[in-house]
């Protein structure tokens, strides 16, 4: 359990850096693109099968 709290503390420290903010913005953008692509594919498949 002590190791877990050490990882959490390290992650908190990392998230305070400018690089982490930039990385999080990139990850959020990637998640949005994946989500939008999945929705578009779902809509296309739905229209082709009905």
N, C-alpha and C. Protein backbone atom coordinates (compact mmCIF):
# COMPACT_ATOMS: atom_id res chain seq x y z
N UNK A 1 0.82 -1.19 0.00
CA UNK A 1 0.00 0.00 0.00
C UNK A 1 0.87 1.26 0.00
N UNK A 2 2.00 1.17 0.64
CA UNK A 2 2.91 2.31 0.69
C UNK A 2 3.40 2.67 -0.72
N UNK A 3 3.67 1.64 -1.53
CA UNK A 3 4.10 1.89 -2.91
C UNK A 3 3.02 2.61 -3.71
N UNK A 4 1.77 2.23 -3.48
CA UNK A 4 0.67 2.86 -4.20
C UNK A 4 0.62 4.36 -3.93
N UNK A 5 0.74 4.74 -2.66
CA UNK A 5 0.71 6.16 -2.31
C UNK A 5 1.94 6.89 -2.88
N UNK A 6 3.05 6.18 -2.99
CA UNK A 6 4.22 6.76 -3.62
C UNK A 6 3.97 7.06 -5.09
N UNK A 7 3.29 6.13 -5.79
CA UNK A 7 2.95 6.35 -7.19
C UNK A 7 1.99 7.52 -7.34
N UNK A 8 1.01 7.60 -6.44
CA UNK A 8 0.05 8.70 -6.50
C UNK A 8 0.76 10.03 -6.29
N UNK A 9 1.67 10.08 -5.32
CA UNK A 9 2.41 11.32 -5.05
C UNK A 9 3.26 11.72 -6.26
N UNK A 10 3.90 10.74 -6.88
CA UNK A 10 4.72 11.01 -8.07
C UNK A 10 3.84 11.53 -9.20
N UNK A 11 2.68 10.94 -9.39
CA UNK A 11 1.76 11.40 -10.44
C UNK A 11 1.29 12.83 -10.16
N UNK A 12 0.97 13.13 -8.91
CA UNK A 12 0.55 14.50 -8.57
C UNK A 12 1.67 15.50 -8.87
N UNK A 13 2.89 15.15 -8.52
CA UNK A 13 4.02 16.05 -8.81
C UNK A 13 4.21 16.24 -10.31
N UNK A 14 4.06 15.16 -11.07
CA UNK A 14 4.21 15.25 -12.52
C UNK A 14 3.14 16.14 -13.12
N UNK A 15 1.90 16.03 -12.62
CA UNK A 15 0.80 16.80 -13.18
C UNK A 15 0.94 18.29 -12.93
N UNK A 16 1.83 18.69 -12.05
CA UNK A 16 2.06 20.12 -11.78
C UNK A 16 3.04 20.75 -12.77
N UNK A 17 3.65 19.95 -13.64
CA UNK A 17 4.65 20.48 -14.56
C UNK A 17 4.00 20.96 -15.86
N UNK A 18 4.65 21.89 -16.57
CA UNK A 18 4.11 22.34 -17.86
C UNK A 18 4.02 21.22 -18.89
N UNK A 19 4.98 20.29 -18.87
CA UNK A 19 4.95 19.18 -19.82
C UNK A 19 3.71 18.32 -19.60
N UNK A 20 3.34 18.11 -18.36
CA UNK A 20 2.16 17.30 -18.07
C UNK A 20 0.91 17.97 -18.59
N UNK A 21 0.80 19.29 -18.43
CA UNK A 21 -0.37 20.00 -18.95
C UNK A 21 -0.46 19.85 -20.47
N UNK A 22 0.68 19.94 -21.12
CA UNK A 22 0.71 19.77 -22.58
C UNK A 22 0.32 18.34 -22.95
N UNK A 23 0.86 17.36 -22.24
CA UNK A 23 0.52 15.96 -22.51
C UNK A 23 -0.96 15.69 -22.28
N UNK A 24 -1.52 16.23 -21.21
CA UNK A 24 -2.94 16.01 -20.94
C UNK A 24 -3.81 16.61 -22.02
N UNK A 25 -3.41 17.77 -22.54
CA UNK A 25 -4.17 18.38 -23.63
C UNK A 25 -4.11 17.49 -24.87
N UNK A 26 -2.95 16.93 -25.16
CA UNK A 26 -2.83 16.02 -26.30
C UNK A 26 -3.66 14.77 -26.11
N UNK A 27 -3.63 14.19 -24.90
CA UNK A 27 -4.42 12.99 -24.62
C UNK A 27 -5.91 13.27 -24.73
N UNK A 28 -6.35 14.43 -24.24
CA UNK A 28 -7.77 14.79 -24.33
C UNK A 28 -8.18 14.95 -25.79
N UNK A 29 -7.33 15.56 -26.58
CA UNK A 29 -7.62 15.73 -28.00
C UNK A 29 -7.72 14.36 -28.70
N UNK A 30 -6.82 13.46 -28.35
CA UNK A 30 -6.84 12.12 -28.95
C UNK A 30 -8.11 11.36 -28.55
N UNK A 31 -8.50 11.47 -27.30
CA UNK A 31 -9.72 10.79 -26.84
C UNK A 31 -10.93 11.34 -27.58
N UNK A 32 -10.99 12.65 -27.76
CA UNK A 32 -12.11 13.25 -28.50
C UNK A 32 -12.14 12.77 -29.94
N UNK A 33 -11.00 12.70 -30.57
CA UNK A 33 -10.95 12.23 -31.96
C UNK A 33 -11.39 10.78 -32.07
N UNK A 34 -10.96 9.94 -31.14
CA UNK A 34 -11.37 8.53 -31.15
C UNK A 34 -12.87 8.42 -30.94
N UNK A 35 -13.39 9.20 -29.98
CA UNK A 35 -14.82 9.17 -29.69
C UNK A 35 -15.63 9.63 -30.89
N UNK A 36 -15.24 10.72 -31.52
CA UNK A 36 -15.96 11.22 -32.69
C UNK A 36 -15.90 10.24 -33.86
N UNK A 37 -14.75 9.62 -34.05
CA UNK A 37 -14.61 8.63 -35.12
C UNK A 37 -15.52 7.44 -34.87
N UNK A 38 -15.58 6.98 -33.63
CA UNK A 38 -16.45 5.86 -33.30
C UNK A 38 -17.92 6.22 -33.53
N UNK A 39 -18.32 7.44 -33.20
CA UNK A 39 -19.70 7.86 -33.43
C UNK A 39 -20.02 7.91 -34.92
N UNK A 40 -19.10 8.44 -35.70
CA UNK A 40 -19.31 8.53 -37.15
C UNK A 40 -19.44 7.13 -37.75
N UNK A 41 -18.56 6.23 -37.35
CA UNK A 41 -18.63 4.85 -37.86
C UNK A 41 -19.93 4.19 -37.44
N UNK A 42 -20.34 4.40 -36.20
CA UNK A 42 -21.60 3.84 -35.72
C UNK A 42 -22.78 4.34 -36.55
N UNK A 43 -22.80 5.64 -36.83
CA UNK A 43 -23.88 6.22 -37.62
C UNK A 43 -23.88 5.65 -39.04
N UNK A 44 -22.70 5.55 -39.64
CA UNK A 44 -22.60 5.01 -41.00
C UNK A 44 -23.09 3.55 -41.05
N UNK A 45 -22.66 2.77 -40.11
CA UNK A 45 -23.08 1.36 -40.09
C UNK A 45 -24.59 1.25 -39.89
N UNK A 46 -25.10 2.09 -39.03
CA UNK A 46 -26.53 2.09 -38.75
C UNK A 46 -27.35 2.45 -39.99
N UNK A 47 -26.87 3.43 -40.75
CA UNK A 47 -27.58 3.85 -41.96
C UNK A 47 -27.49 2.79 -43.05
N UNK A 48 -26.37 2.09 -43.13
CA UNK A 48 -26.20 1.08 -44.18
C UNK A 48 -27.03 -0.17 -43.89
N UNK A 49 -27.30 -0.45 -42.64
CA UNK A 49 -28.02 -1.68 -42.31
C UNK A 49 -29.52 -1.47 -42.23
N UNK A 50 -30.00 -0.24 -42.27
CA UNK A 50 -31.45 -0.03 -42.19
C UNK A 50 -32.05 0.30 -43.53
